[in-house]
Amino acid sequence: METLKLDAIADYENSINVASEILNGGGIVAVPTETVYGLAASAYNDDAIKSIFAAKGRPQDNPLIVHISNLDMLSDIACDIPDVAYQCARAFWPGPFTMVLPKGDKIAESVSGGLKTVAVRFPSDKTICDIIEKSGLPLAAPSANTSGKPSPTTAAHVIDDLDGKINAVVIGGDCMVGVESTVVSLVGEKPRLLRPGAVTPEQLRAILPELIVDDAVLEKLKDGVAAASPGMKYKHYAPNTTAFLVEGCSNSFVSFVNSKENAAAICFEEEYYNVNVPKMSYGSKRDESTLAQNVFSCLRDIDSLNVKEVYIHAPSKDGVGLAVYNRLIRACGFEVIKL
């Protein structure tokens, strides 16, 4: 299959029109969002959704997020929508926030991985919203990468993974947030944080004071438990290089990694010049948003260093740092070294 490269920077209108035509014809298209690039298909077309799973090599019990471009579309996607969902929408949409709600009848069964719920998001990125508007379709879209690998935050990442496997990629700029959206389930007695993102637990509790942070945010999902959200069940975001997450102060981390042979480090910029092994900085330990923007690019680039192991300095679990920690602990297969 030839993958069309639609340059939305050079020819925006044509890129939107061609992408919309492909989606209406049952094709799949990688599109930029403010979080990561997504691999989109009509949320109404079961065959198109199955093409997403096939292109990514994604397990079919791993649910997808449906993207909309205005609040009026929500009632076409979900049913029995609680009032608190509209409170969350007013607070966090458009933006990097996803709600899990009871699924409406129009949505393809494969979108929800066999569940009776659906995850819905109204992104803030203009390109995906314009494609939704032009096509007239809600778009189911997981990250546009090979399943299990680091998520794509540039069009080049998408092309590296999926060229020849999808109908087109819309080439936009780099993703501003850098990690996938926050996911909250509003099905059940109390709201539950299933996946952390740029909308933090502190922000959520202003609307959802009874919010529970699911155990799977920081721990491996237990055997036999269905994944209610993307990013809960399987090993994700992993480089080919064996990776370990390391907790501890900067001095301890630097001493630890400098004692290793045939190893590399992903560290904070404050300790970069003291690390003697091959290294990458993913930002300041005081700037969690920058860590989020850079973490997936570093995980992709680490394989180019041709080392046996990579040791990653763990961020704080506060604010957006919780989202970065969540991605890293999965990239490391829950292998954590505490100094």
C-alpha atoms as a PDB file:
ATOM      1  CA  MET A   1       0.000   0.000   0.000  1.00  0.00           C
ATOM      2  CA  GLU A   2       1.249   3.477  -0.834  1.00  0.00           C
ATOM      3  CA  THR A   3       0.923   5.894   2.075  1.00  0.00           C
ATOM      4  CA  LEU A   4       0.064   9.394   0.838  1.00  0.00           C
ATOM      5  CA  LYS A   5       2.015  12.197   2.533  1.00  0.00           C
ATOM      6  CA  LEU A   6      -0.402  15.127   2.895  1.00  0.00           C
ATOM      7  CA  ASP A   7       1.523  18.274   3.825  1.00  0.00           C
ATOM      8  CA  ALA A   8      -0.902  20.331   5.902  1.00  0.00           C
ATOM      9  CA  ILE A   9       1.769  22.965   6.472  1.00  0.00           C
ATOM     10  CA  ALA A  10       2.274  23.664   2.751  1.00  0.00           C
ATOM     11  CA  ASP A  11      -1.280  22.944   1.493  1.00  0.00           C
ATOM     12  CA  TYR A  12      -3.718  22.834   4.380  1.00  0.00           C
ATOM     13  CA  GLU A  13      -7.040  22.835   2.513  1.00  0.00           C
ATOM     14  CA  ASN A  14      -6.062  20.047   0.128  1.00  0.00           C
ATOM     15  CA  SER A  15      -4.751  17.925   3.004  1.00  0.00           C
ATOM     16  CA  ILE A  16      -8.036  18.281   4.891  1.00  0.00           C
ATOM     17  CA  ASN A  17     -10.101  17.464   1.792  1.00  0.00           C
ATOM     18  CA  VAL A  18      -8.080  14.391   0.764  1.00  0.00           C
ATOM     19  CA  ALA A  19      -7.945  13.010   4.322  1.00  0.00           C
ATOM     20  CA  SER A  20     -11.714  13.432   4.652  1.00  0.00           C
ATOM     21  CA  GLU A  21     -12.345  11.628   1.355  1.00  0.00           C
ATOM     22  CA  ILE A  22     -10.159   8.702   2.443  1.00  0.00           C
ATOM     23  CA  LEU A  23     -11.950   8.437   5.784  1.00  0.00           C
ATOM     24  CA  ASN A  24     -15.382   8.524   4.142  1.00  0.00           C
ATOM     25  CA  GLY A  25     -14.205   5.747   1.838  1.00  0.00           C
ATOM     26  CA  GLY A  26     -13.346   3.498   4.782  1.00  0.00           C
ATOM     27  CA  GLY A  27      -9.617   4.244   4.872  1.00  0.00           C
ATOM     28  CA  ILE A  28      -7.313   5.037   7.768  1.00  0.00           C
ATOM     29  CA  VAL A  29      -5.298   8.250   8.110  1.00  0.00           C
ATOM     30  CA  ALA A  30      -2.694   9.400  10.636  1.00  0.00           C
ATOM     31  CA  VAL A  31      -3.532  12.894  11.870  1.00  0.00           C
ATOM     32  CA  PRO A  32      -1.869  15.331  14.277  1.00  0.00           C
ATOM     33  CA  THR A  33      -3.465  16.234  17.596  1.00  0.00           C
ATOM     34  CA  GLU A  34      -2.215  18.335  20.487  1.00  0.00           C
ATOM     35  CA  THR A  35      -1.276  15.166  22.423  1.00  0.00           C
ATOM     36  CA  VAL A  36       0.258  12.672  19.937  1.00  0.00           C
ATOM     37  CA  TYR A  37      -0.428  11.742  16.307  1.00  0.00           C
ATOM     38  CA  GLY A  38      -3.504   9.526  16.035  1.00  0.00           C
ATOM     39  CA  LEU A  39      -4.419   6.826  13.507  1.00  0.00           C
ATOM     40  CA  ALA A  40      -7.983   7.707  12.567  1.00  0.00           C
ATOM     41  CA  ALA A  41     -10.945   5.894  11.029  1.00  0.00           C
ATOM     42  CA  SER A  42     -14.703   6.405  11.037  1.00  0.00           C
ATOM     43  CA  ALA A  43     -16.065   5.381  14.432  1.00  0.00           C
ATOM     44  CA  TYR A  44     -19.106   4.016  12.573  1.00  0.00           C
ATOM     45  CA  ASN A  45     -17.165   1.685  10.245  1.00  0.00           C
ATOM     46  CA  ASP A  46     -16.255  -1.633  11.844  1.00  0.00           C
ATOM     47  CA  ASP A  47     -14.063  -2.765   8.937  1.00  0.00           C
ATOM     48  CA  ALA A  48     -12.088   0.492   9.013  1.00  0.00           C
ATOM     49  CA  ILE A  49     -11.576   0.136  12.762  1.00  0.00           C
ATOM     50  CA  LYS A  50     -10.271  -3.392  12.261  1.00  0.00           C
ATOM     51  CA  SER A  51      -7.777  -1.961   9.736  1.00  0.00           C
ATOM     52  CA  ILE A  52      -6.389   0.249  12.527  1.00  0.00           C
ATOM     53  CA  PHE A  53      -5.790  -2.775  14.743  1.00  0.00           C
ATOM     54  CA  ALA A  54      -4.143  -4.635  11.864  1.00  0.00           C
ATOM     55  CA  ALA A  55      -1.855  -1.736  10.858  1.00  0.00           C
ATOM     56  CA  LYS A  56      -0.680  -1.196  14.425  1.00  0.00           C
ATOM     57  CA  GLY A  57      -0.556  -4.852  15.454  1.00  0.00           C
ATOM     58  CA  ARG A  58      -2.808  -3.810  18.340  1.00  0.00           C
ATOM     59  CA  PRO A  59      -4.694  -6.334  20.508  1.00  0.00           C
ATOM     60  CA  GLN A  60      -8.424  -6.031  19.777  1.00  0.00           C
ATOM     61  CA  ASP A  61      -9.412  -5.929  23.458  1.00  0.00           C
ATOM     62  CA  ASN A  62      -7.592  -2.595  23.803  1.00  0.00           C
ATOM     63  CA  PRO A  63     -10.311   0.092  23.377  1.00  0.00           C
ATOM     64  CA  LEU A  64      -9.995   3.208  21.219  1.00  0.00           C
ATOM     65  CA  ILE A  65     -10.911   6.842  21.864  1.00  0.00           C
ATOM     66  CA  VAL A  66     -13.551   8.526  19.690  1.00  0.00           C
ATOM     67  CA  HIS A  67     -12.724  12.132  18.731  1.00  0.00           C
ATOM     68  CA  ILE A  68     -15.415  14.758  18.133  1.00  0.00           C
ATOM     69  CA  SER A  69     -15.241  18.375  17.004  1.00  0.00           C
ATOM     70  CA  ASN A  70     -18.155  19.894  18.932  1.00  0.00           C
ATOM     71  CA  LEU A  71     -20.166  19.098  22.025  1.00  0.00           C
ATOM     72  CA  ASP A  72     -23.345  18.420  20.041  1.00  0.00           C
ATOM     73  CA  MET A  73     -21.727  15.237  18.688  1.00  0.00           C
ATOM     74  CA  LEU A  74     -21.474  13.717  22.169  1.00  0.00           C
ATOM     75  CA  SER A  75     -25.057  12.436  22.156  1.00  0.00           C
ATOM     76  CA  ASP A  76     -24.328  10.497  18.933  1.00  0.00           C
ATOM     77  CA  ILE A  77     -21.440   8.696  20.616  1.00  0.00           C
ATOM     78  CA  ALA A  78     -22.655   8.044  24.150  1.00  0.00           C
ATOM     79  CA  CYS A  79     -25.951   7.477  25.943  1.00  0.00           C
ATOM     80  CA  ASP A  80     -27.251   8.078  29.484  1.00  0.00           C
ATOM     81  CA  ILE A  81     -24.790  10.950  29.788  1.00  0.00           C
ATOM     82  CA  PRO A  82     -24.584  12.239  33.388  1.00  0.00           C
ATOM     83  CA  ASP A  83     -24.704  15.967  34.161  1.00  0.00           C
ATOM     84  CA  VAL A  84     -21.165  15.821  35.525  1.00  0.00           C
ATOM     85  CA  ALA A  85     -19.934  14.907  32.035  1.00  0.00           C
ATOM     86  CA  TYR A  86     -21.132  18.261  30.753  1.00  0.00           C
ATOM     87  CA  GLN A  87     -19.442  19.982  33.696  1.00  0.00           C
ATOM     88  CA  CYS A  88     -16.181  18.268  32.726  1.00  0.00           C
ATOM     89  CA  ALA A  89     -16.700  19.195  29.077  1.00  0.00           C
ATOM     90  CA  ARG A  90     -17.120  22.868  29.951  1.00  0.00           C
ATOM     91  CA  ALA A  91     -13.982  22.770  32.088  1.00  0.00           C
ATOM     92  CA  PHE A  92     -11.600  20.694  29.951  1.00  0.00           C
ATOM     93  CA  TRP A  93     -12.851  20.642  26.330  1.00  0.00           C
ATOM     94  CA  PRO A  94     -11.503  21.227  23.801  1.00  0.00           C
ATOM     95  CA  GLY A  95      -8.294  19.749  25.154  1.00  0.00           C
ATOM     96  CA  PRO A  96      -6.326  16.670  26.258  1.00  0.00           C
ATOM     97  CA  PHE A  97      -9.152  15.122  28.300  1.00  0.00           C
ATOM     98  CA  THR A  98     -11.166  11.948  27.623  1.00  0.00           C
ATOM     99  CA  MET A  99     -14.351  10.724  29.315  1.00  0.00           C
ATOM    100  CA  VAL A 100     -15.506   7.099  29.460  1.00  0.00           C
ATOM    101  CA  LEU A 101     -19.309   6.944  29.170  1.00  0.00           C
ATOM    102  CA  PRO A 102     -22.019   4.399  28.277  1.00  0.00           C
ATOM    103  CA  LYS A 103     -21.693   3.575  24.562  1.00  0.00           C
ATOM    104  CA  GLY A 104     -24.303   4.644  22.033  1.00  0.00           C
ATOM    105  CA  ASP A 105     -25.709   2.251  19.412  1.00  0.00           C
ATOM    106  CA  LYS A 106     -24.096   3.989  16.413  1.00  0.00           C
ATOM    107  CA  ILE A 107     -20.506   3.228  17.447  1.00  0.00           C
ATOM    108  CA  ALA A 108     -18.796   0.200  15.893  1.00  0.00           C
ATOM    109  CA  GLU A 109     -18.435  -2.673  18.349  1.00  0.00           C
ATOM    110  CA  SER A 110     -14.687  -2.968  17.738  1.00  0.00           C
ATOM    111  CA  VAL A 111     -14.107   0.593  19.006  1.00  0.00           C
ATOM    112  CA  SER A 112     -14.765  -0.373  22.610  1.00  0.00           C
ATOM    113  CA  GLY A 113     -12.901  -3.673  22.813  1.00  0.00           C
ATOM    114  CA  GLY A 114     -16.046  -5.587  23.780  1.00  0.00           C
ATOM    115  CA  LEU A 115     -17.054  -3.139  26.526  1.00  0.00           C
ATOM    116  CA  LYS A 116     -20.405  -1.373  26.891  1.00  0.00           C
ATOM    117  CA  THR A 117     -18.616   1.945  27.321  1.00  0.00           C
ATOM    118  CA  VAL A 118     -16.934   4.386  24.966  1.00  0.00           C
ATOM    119  CA  ALA A 119     -14.096   6.865  25.501  1.00  0.00           C
ATOM    120  CA  VAL A 120     -14.737  10.309  23.973  1.00  0.00           C
ATOM    121  CA  ARG A 121     -12.515  13.357  23.464  1.00  0.00           C
ATOM    122  CA  PHE A 122     -12.900  16.813  21.891  1.00  0.00           C
ATOM    123  CA  PRO A 123      -9.320  17.753  20.938  1.00  0.00           C
ATOM    124  CA  SER A 124      -8.054  21.322  20.724  1.00  0.00           C
ATOM    125  CA  ASP A 125      -5.895  20.748  17.635  1.00  0.00           C
ATOM    126  CA  LYS A 126      -7.352  22.551  14.603  1.00  0.00           C
ATOM    127  CA  THR A 127      -6.274  19.977  12.020  1.00  0.00           C
ATOM    128  CA  ILE A 128      -8.078  16.959  13.436  1.00  0.00           C
ATOM    129  CA  CYS A 129     -11.145  19.050  14.251  1.00  0.00           C
ATOM    130  CA  ASP A 130     -11.301  20.380  10.683  1.00  0.00           C
ATOM    131  CA  ILE A 131     -11.009  16.821   9.333  1.00  0.00           C
ATOM    132  CA  ILE A 132     -13.875  15.712  11.577  1.00  0.00           C
ATOM    133  CA  GLU A 133     -15.990  18.657  10.419  1.00  0.00           C
ATOM    134  CA  LYS A 134     -15.178  18.135   6.727  1.00  0.00           C
ATOM    135  CA  SER A 135     -15.736  14.378   6.805  1.00  0.00           C
ATOM    136  CA  GLY A 136     -18.821  14.577   9.002  1.00  0.00           C
ATOM    137  CA  LEU A 137     -17.483  11.633  10.987  1.00  0.00           C
ATOM    138  CA  PRO A 138     -16.477  11.070  14.598  1.00  0.00           C
ATOM    139  CA  LEU A 139     -13.018   9.530  14.414  1.00  0.00           C
ATOM    140  CA  ALA A 140     -11.761   6.600  16.464  1.00  0.00           C
ATOM    141  CA  ALA A 141      -8.011   7.115  16.816  1.00  0.00           C
ATOM    142  CA  PRO A 142      -5.350   5.425  18.920  1.00  0.00           C
ATOM    143  CA  SER A 143      -1.748   6.629  18.681  1.00  0.00           C
ATOM    144  CA  ALA A 144      -0.305   6.270  15.157  1.00  0.00           C
ATOM    145  CA  ASN A 145       2.557   3.916  15.979  1.00  0.00           C
ATOM    146  CA  THR A 146       3.369   0.233  16.020  1.00  0.00           C
ATOM    147  CA  SER A 147       1.646  -1.179  19.086  1.00  0.00           C
ATOM    148  CA  GLY A 148       3.903  -1.207  22.138  1.00  0.00           C
ATOM    149  CA  LYS A 149       6.417   1.306  20.745  1.00  0.00           C
ATOM    150  CA  PRO A 150       6.814   4.937  21.875  1.00  0.00           C
ATOM    151  CA  SER A 151       3.928   7.125  20.747  1.00  0.00           C
ATOM    152  CA  PRO A 152       4.543   9.478  17.793  1.00  0.00           C
ATOM    153  CA  THR A 153       4.838  13.203  18.413  1.00  0.00           C
ATOM    154  CA  THR A 154       6.018  14.061  14.866  1.00  0.00           C
ATOM    155  CA  ALA A 155       4.919  12.966  11.397  1.00  0.00           C
ATOM    156  CA  ALA A 156       8.383  11.446  10.917  1.00  0.00           C
ATOM    157  CA  HIS A 157       7.704   9.066  13.828  1.00  0.00           C
ATOM    158  CA  VAL A 158       4.471   7.945  12.120  1.00  0.00           C
ATOM    159  CA  ILE A 159       6.210   7.363   8.797  1.00  0.00           C
ATOM    160  CA  ASP A 160       8.978   5.362  10.499  1.00  0.00           C
ATOM    161  CA  ASP A 161       6.401   2.970  11.967  1.00  0.00           C
ATOM    162  CA  LEU A 162       3.510   2.833   9.502  1.00  0.00           C
ATOM    163  CA  ASP A 163       4.679   3.813   6.015  1.00  0.00           C
ATOM    164  CA  GLY A 164       3.116   1.369   3.565  1.00  0.00           C
ATOM    165  CA  LYS A 165       0.570   0.146   6.142  1.00  0.00           C
ATOM    166  CA  ILE A 166      -1.936   3.045   6.145  1.00  0.00           C
ATOM    167  CA  ASN A 167      -3.651   5.126   3.466  1.00  0.00           C
ATOM    168  CA  ALA A 168      -2.219   8.529   4.377  1.00  0.00           C
ATOM    169  CA  VAL A 169      -0.492  10.668   6.972  1.00  0.00           C
ATOM    170  CA  VAL A 170      -1.349  14.340   7.446  1.00  0.00           C
ATOM    171  CA  ILE A 171       1.949  16.114   8.090  1.00  0.00           C
ATOM    172  CA  GLY A 172       1.530  18.837  10.690  1.00  0.00           C
ATOM    173  CA  GLY A 173       3.811  20.280  13.326  1.00  0.00           C
ATOM    174  CA  ASP A 174       5.146  18.627  16.465  1.00  0.00           C
ATOM    175  CA  CYS A 175       2.572  17.783  19.131  1.00  0.00           C
ATOM    176  CA  MET A 176       2.493  20.387  21.885  1.00  0.00           C
ATOM    177  CA  VAL A 177       1.452  18.206  24.866  1.00  0.00           C
ATOM    178  CA  GLY A 178       3.510  15.122  24.013  1.00  0.00           C
ATOM    179  CA  VAL A 179       1.632  12.474  26.025  1.00  0.00           C
ATOM    180  CA  GLU A 180      -1.818  11.038  25.439  1.00  0.00           C
ATOM    181  CA  SER A 181      -4.929  12.530  26.999  1.00  0.00           C
ATOM    182  CA  THR A 182      -6.096  12.158  30.576  1.00  0.00           C
ATOM    183  CA  VAL A 183      -8.816   9.485  30.743  1.00  0.00           C
ATOM    184  CA  VAL A 184     -11.532   9.512  33.426  1.00  0.00           C
ATOM    185  CA  SER A 185     -14.346   6.987  33.717  1.00  0.00           C
ATOM    186  CA  LEU A 186     -17.723   8.462  34.659  1.00  0.00           C
ATOM    187  CA  VAL A 187     -19.321   5.003  34.704  1.00  0.00           C
ATOM    188  CA  GLY A 188     -19.722   3.665  38.219  1.00  0.00           C
ATOM    189  CA  GLU A 189     -20.377   5.066  41.662  1.00  0.00           C
ATOM    190  CA  LYS A 190     -17.357   7.375  41.686  1.00  0.00           C
ATOM    191  CA  PRO A 191     -15.260   8.915  38.906  1.00  0.00           C
ATOM    192  CA  ARG A 192     -12.016   7.056  38.318  1.00  0.00           C
ATOM    193  CA  LEU A 193      -8.763   8.267  36.756  1.00  0.00           C
ATOM    194  CA  LEU A 194      -7.693   5.516  34.331  1.00  0.00           C
ATOM    195  CA  ARG A 195      -4.816   7.276  32.571  1.00  0.00           C
ATOM    196  CA  PRO A 196      -3.073  10.492  33.682  1.00  0.00           C
ATOM    197  CA  GLY A 197      -2.264  13.244  31.206  1.00  0.00           C
ATOM    198  CA  ALA A 198      -1.915  17.002  30.935  1.00  0.00           C
ATOM    199  CA  VAL A 199      -5.177  17.524  32.848  1.00  0.00           C
ATOM    200  CA  THR A 200      -3.962  16.673  36.337  1.00  0.00           C
ATOM    201  CA  PRO A 201      -5.709  15.012  39.291  1.00  0.00           C
ATOM    202  CA  GLU A 202      -5.579  18.352  41.103  1.00  0.00           C
ATOM    203  CA  GLN A 203      -7.484  20.033  38.258  1.00  0.00           C
ATOM    204  CA  LEU A 204      -9.961  17.162  38.003  1.00  0.00           C
ATOM    205  CA  ARG A 205     -10.845  17.255  41.682  1.00  0.00           C
ATOM    206  CA  ALA A 206     -12.143  20.810  41.306  1.00  0.00           C
ATOM    207  CA  ILE A 207     -15.002  19.235  39.320  1.00  0.00           C
ATOM    208  CA  LEU A 208     -14.794  15.654  40.616  1.00  0.00           C
ATOM    209  CA  PRO A 209     -13.960  15.852  44.349  1.00  0.00           C
ATOM    210  CA  GLU A 210     -14.537  12.087  44.812  1.00  0.00           C
ATOM    211  CA  LEU A 211     -12.092  11.128  42.040  1.00  0.00           C
ATOM    212  CA  ILE A 212     -10.301   7.804  42.596  1.00  0.00           C
ATOM    213  CA  VAL A 213      -6.928   7.127  40.983  1.00  0.00           C
ATOM    214  CA  ASP A 214      -7.083   3.608  39.559  1.00  0.00           C
ATOM    215  CA  ASP A 215      -4.411   1.198  40.817  1.00  0.00           C
ATOM    216  CA  ALA A 216      -3.391   0.523  37.199  1.00  0.00           C
ATOM    217  CA  VAL A 217      -2.041   4.070  36.848  1.00  0.00           C
ATOM    218  CA  LEU A 218       1.107   3.004  38.708  1.00  0.00           C
ATOM    219  CA  GLU A 219       0.818  -0.784  38.769  1.00  0.00           C
ATOM    220  CA  LYS A 220       0.451  -3.576  36.232  1.00  0.00           C
ATOM    221  CA  LEU A 221      -3.176  -4.396  35.453  1.00  0.00           C
ATOM    222  CA  LYS A 222      -4.135  -7.657  37.143  1.00  0.00           C
ATOM    223  CA  ASP A 223      -4.608 -10.770  35.018  1.00  0.00           C
ATOM    224  CA  GLY A 224      -8.154 -11.220  33.773  1.00  0.00           C
ATOM    225  CA  VAL A 225      -9.161  -7.584  34.295  1.00  0.00           C
ATOM    226  CA  ALA A 226     -10.545  -5.836  31.211  1.00  0.00           C
ATOM    227  CA  ALA A 227      -8.836  -2.601  30.166  1.00  0.00           C
ATOM    228  CA  ALA A 228     -11.373   0.237  30.451  1.00  0.00           C
ATOM    229  CA  SER A 229      -9.009   2.677  28.749  1.00  0.00           C
ATOM    230  CA  PRO A 230      -6.135   2.632  26.270  1.00  0.00           C
ATOM    231  CA  GLY A 231      -2.734   2.374  27.921  1.00  0.00           C
ATOM    232  CA  MET A 232      -3.812   0.233  30.877  1.00  0.00           C
ATOM    233  CA  LYS A 233      -3.244  -3.398  29.982  1.00  0.00           C
ATOM    234  CA  TYR A 234      -0.210  -3.958  27.777  1.00  0.00           C
ATOM    235  CA  LYS A 235       3.437  -2.978  27.797  1.00  0.00           C
ATOM    236  CA  HIS A 236       3.596   0.338  25.973  1.00  0.00           C
ATOM    237  CA  TYR A 237       6.010   2.980  24.738  1.00  0.00           C
ATOM    238  CA  ALA A 238       9.059   0.707  24.940  1.00  0.00           C
ATOM    239  CA  PRO A 239      12.322   1.160  23.027  1.00  0.00           C
ATOM    240  CA  ASN A 240      14.099  -1.945  21.739  1.00  0.00           C
ATOM    241  CA  THR A 241      16.846  -1.246  24.290  1.00  0.00           C
ATOM    242  CA  THR A 242      16.123  -2.778  27.710  1.00  0.00           C
ATOM    243  CA  ALA A 243      14.955   0.093  29.917  1.00  0.00           C
ATOM    244  CA  PHE A 244      14.858   0.616  33.679  1.00  0.00           C
ATOM    245  CA  LEU A 245      13.185   3.420  35.617  1.00  0.00           C
ATOM    246  CA  VAL A 246      15.377   4.760  38.417  1.00  0.00           C
ATOM    247  CA  GLU A 247      14.071   6.615  41.464  1.00  0.00           C
ATOM    248  CA  GLY A 248      16.401   8.681  43.624  1.00  0.00           C
ATOM    249  CA  CYS A 249      18.147  12.034  44.000  1.00  0.00           C
ATOM    250  CA  SER A 250      20.381  13.444  41.255  1.00  0.00           C
ATOM    251  CA  ASN A 251      23.658  12.577  43.000  1.00  0.00           C
ATOM    252  CA  SER A 252      22.574   8.981  43.495  1.00  0.00           C
ATOM    253  CA  PHE A 253      21.363   8.666  39.908  1.00  0.00           C
ATOM    254  CA  VAL A 254      24.575  10.110  38.446  1.00  0.00           C
ATOM    255  CA  SER A 255      26.771   7.801  40.536  1.00  0.00           C
ATOM    256  CA  PHE A 256      24.632   4.806  39.627  1.00  0.00           C
ATOM    257  CA  VAL A 257      24.629   5.306  35.853  1.00  0.00           C
ATOM    258  CA  ASN A 258      28.314   6.267  35.738  1.00  0.00           C
ATOM    259  CA  SER A 259      29.143   2.867  37.225  1.00  0.00           C
ATOM    260  CA  LYS A 260      27.450   1.035  34.316  1.00  0.00           C
ATOM    261  CA  GLU A 261      29.060  -0.327  31.163  1.00  0.00           C
ATOM    262  CA  ASN A 262      27.383  -0.562  27.744  1.00  0.00           C
ATOM    263  CA  ALA A 263      24.542   1.558  29.086  1.00  0.00           C
ATOM    264  CA  ALA A 264      22.938   4.952  28.444  1.00  0.00           C
ATOM    265  CA  ALA A 265      20.891   7.400  30.486  1.00  0.00           C
ATOM    266  CA  ILE A 266      17.820   9.546  29.986  1.00  0.00           C
ATOM    267  CA  CYS A 267      18.334  12.225  32.591  1.00  0.00           C
ATOM    268  CA  PHE A 268      17.299  15.723  33.670  1.00  0.00           C
ATOM    269  CA  GLU A 269      19.120  18.698  32.187  1.00  0.00           C
ATOM    270  CA  GLU A 270      20.383  19.676  35.662  1.00  0.00           C
ATOM    271  CA  GLU A 271      22.521  16.495  35.828  1.00  0.00           C
ATOM    272  CA  TYR A 272      23.345  16.128  32.123  1.00  0.00           C
ATOM    273  CA  TYR A 273      26.984  17.310  32.276  1.00  0.00           C
ATOM    274  CA  ASN A 274      27.766  15.052  35.241  1.00  0.00           C
ATOM    275  CA  VAL A 275      26.617  11.889  33.454  1.00  0.00           C
ATOM    276  CA  ASN A 276      29.546  10.168  31.706  1.00  0.00           C
ATOM    277  CA  VAL A 277      27.710   7.424  29.803  1.00  0.00           C
ATOM    278  CA  PRO A 278      25.876   8.108  26.500  1.00  0.00           C
ATOM    279  CA  LYS A 279      22.935  10.276  27.486  1.00  0.00           C
ATOM    280  CA  MET A 280      19.883  12.303  26.546  1.00  0.00           C
ATOM    281  CA  SER A 281      18.146  14.981  28.558  1.00  0.00           C
ATOM    282  CA  TYR A 282      14.376  15.071  28.462  1.00  0.00           C
ATOM    283  CA  GLY A 283      14.114  18.433  30.219  1.00  0.00           C
ATOM    284  CA  SER A 284      14.308  20.078  33.614  1.00  0.00           C
ATOM    285  CA  LYS A 285      13.074  18.175  36.644  1.00  0.00           C
ATOM    286  CA  ARG A 286      11.253  21.393  37.569  1.00  0.00           C
ATOM    287  CA  ASP A 287       9.317  21.543  34.282  1.00  0.00           C
ATOM    288  CA  GLU A 288       7.062  18.509  33.985  1.00  0.00           C
ATOM    289  CA  SER A 289       5.345  19.800  30.826  1.00  0.00           C
ATOM    290  CA  THR A 290       8.682  19.820  28.979  1.00  0.00           C
ATOM    291  CA  LEU A 291       9.407  16.285  30.206  1.00  0.00           C
ATOM    292  CA  ALA A 292       6.056  15.254  28.712  1.00  0.00           C
ATOM    293  CA  GLN A 293       6.844  16.930  25.385  1.00  0.00           C
ATOM    294  CA  ASN A 294      10.202  15.161  25.076  1.00  0.00           C
ATOM    295  CA  VAL A 295       9.771  11.747  26.670  1.00  0.00           C
ATOM    296  CA  PHE A 296       8.589   9.798  23.613  1.00  0.00           C
ATOM    297  CA  SER A 297      11.209  11.298  21.300  1.00  0.00           C
ATOM    298  CA  CYS A 298      13.927  10.271  23.761  1.00  0.00           C
ATOM    299  CA  LEU A 299      12.536   6.748  24.018  1.00  0.00           C
ATOM    300  CA  ARG A 300      12.593   6.488  20.215  1.00  0.00           C
ATOM    301  CA  ASP A 301      16.093   7.943  19.866  1.00  0.00           C
ATOM    302  CA  ILE A 302      17.731   5.806  22.547  1.00  0.00           C
ATOM    303  CA  ASP A 303      17.999   2.803  20.199  1.00  0.00           C
ATOM    304  CA  SER A 304      20.369   4.790  17.972  1.00  0.00           C
ATOM    305  CA  LEU A 305      22.982   4.711  20.764  1.00  0.00           C
ATOM    306  CA  ASN A 306      23.388   0.913  20.379  1.00  0.00           C
ATOM    307  CA  VAL A 307      23.745   0.134  24.079  1.00  0.00           C
ATOM    308  CA  LYS A 308      22.511  -2.849  26.050  1.00  0.00           C
ATOM    309  CA  GLU A 309      20.506  -0.961  28.694  1.00  0.00           C
ATOM    310  CA  VAL A 310      19.075   2.502  29.331  1.00  0.00           C
ATOM    311  CA  TYR A 311      18.436   3.946  32.794  1.00  0.00           C
ATOM    312  CA  ILE A 312      15.771   6.657  32.990  1.00  0.00           C
ATOM    313  CA  HIS A 313      15.613   9.099  35.902  1.00  0.00           C
ATOM    314  CA  ALA A 314      12.037   9.027  37.167  1.00  0.00           C
ATOM    315  CA  PRO A 315      10.117  12.302  37.385  1.00  0.00           C
ATOM    316  CA  SER A 316       7.983  13.458  40.265  1.00  0.00           C
ATOM    317  CA  LYS A 317       4.502  11.944  40.455  1.00  0.00           C
ATOM    318  CA  ASP A 318       2.953  15.379  40.993  1.00  0.00           C
ATOM    319  CA  GLY A 319       0.928  17.248  38.360  1.00  0.00           C
ATOM    320  CA  VAL A 320       1.834  16.336  34.781  1.00  0.00           C
ATOM    321  CA  GLY A 321       4.753  14.364  36.234  1.00  0.00           C
ATOM    322  CA  LEU A 322       2.280  11.581  37.072  1.00  0.00           C
ATOM    323  CA  ALA A 323       1.514  11.201  33.344  1.00  0.00           C
ATOM    324  CA  VAL A 324       5.214  11.020  32.463  1.00  0.00           C
ATOM    325  CA  TYR A 325       5.878   8.478  35.239  1.00  0.00           C
ATOM    326  CA  ASN A 326       2.913   6.402  34.048  1.00  0.00           C
ATOM    327  CA  ARG A 327       4.321   6.204  30.510  1.00  0.00           C
ATOM    328  CA  LEU A 328       7.856   5.450  31.681  1.00  0.00           C
ATOM    329  CA  ILE A 329       6.900   2.679  34.082  1.00  0.00           C
ATOM    330  CA  ARG A 330       5.142   0.935  31.181  1.00  0.00           C
ATOM    331  CA  ALA A 331       8.044   1.555  28.811  1.00  0.00           C
ATOM    332  CA  CYS A 332      10.254  -0.164  31.392  1.00  0.00           C
ATOM    333  CA  GLY A 333       7.910  -3.125  31.874  1.00  0.00           C
ATOM    334  CA  PHE A 334       7.453  -2.041  35.526  1.00  0.00           C
ATOM    335  CA  GLU A 335      11.179  -2.553  36.211  1.00  0.00           C
ATOM    336  CA  VAL A 336      11.921   0.123  38.837  1.00  0.00           C
ATOM    337  CA  ILE A 337      15.249   0.601  40.642  1.00  0.00           C
ATOM    338  CA  LYS A 338      14.979   2.547  43.902  1.00  0.00           C
ATOM    339  CA  LEU A 339      18.255   4.061  45.019  1.00  0.00           C
END
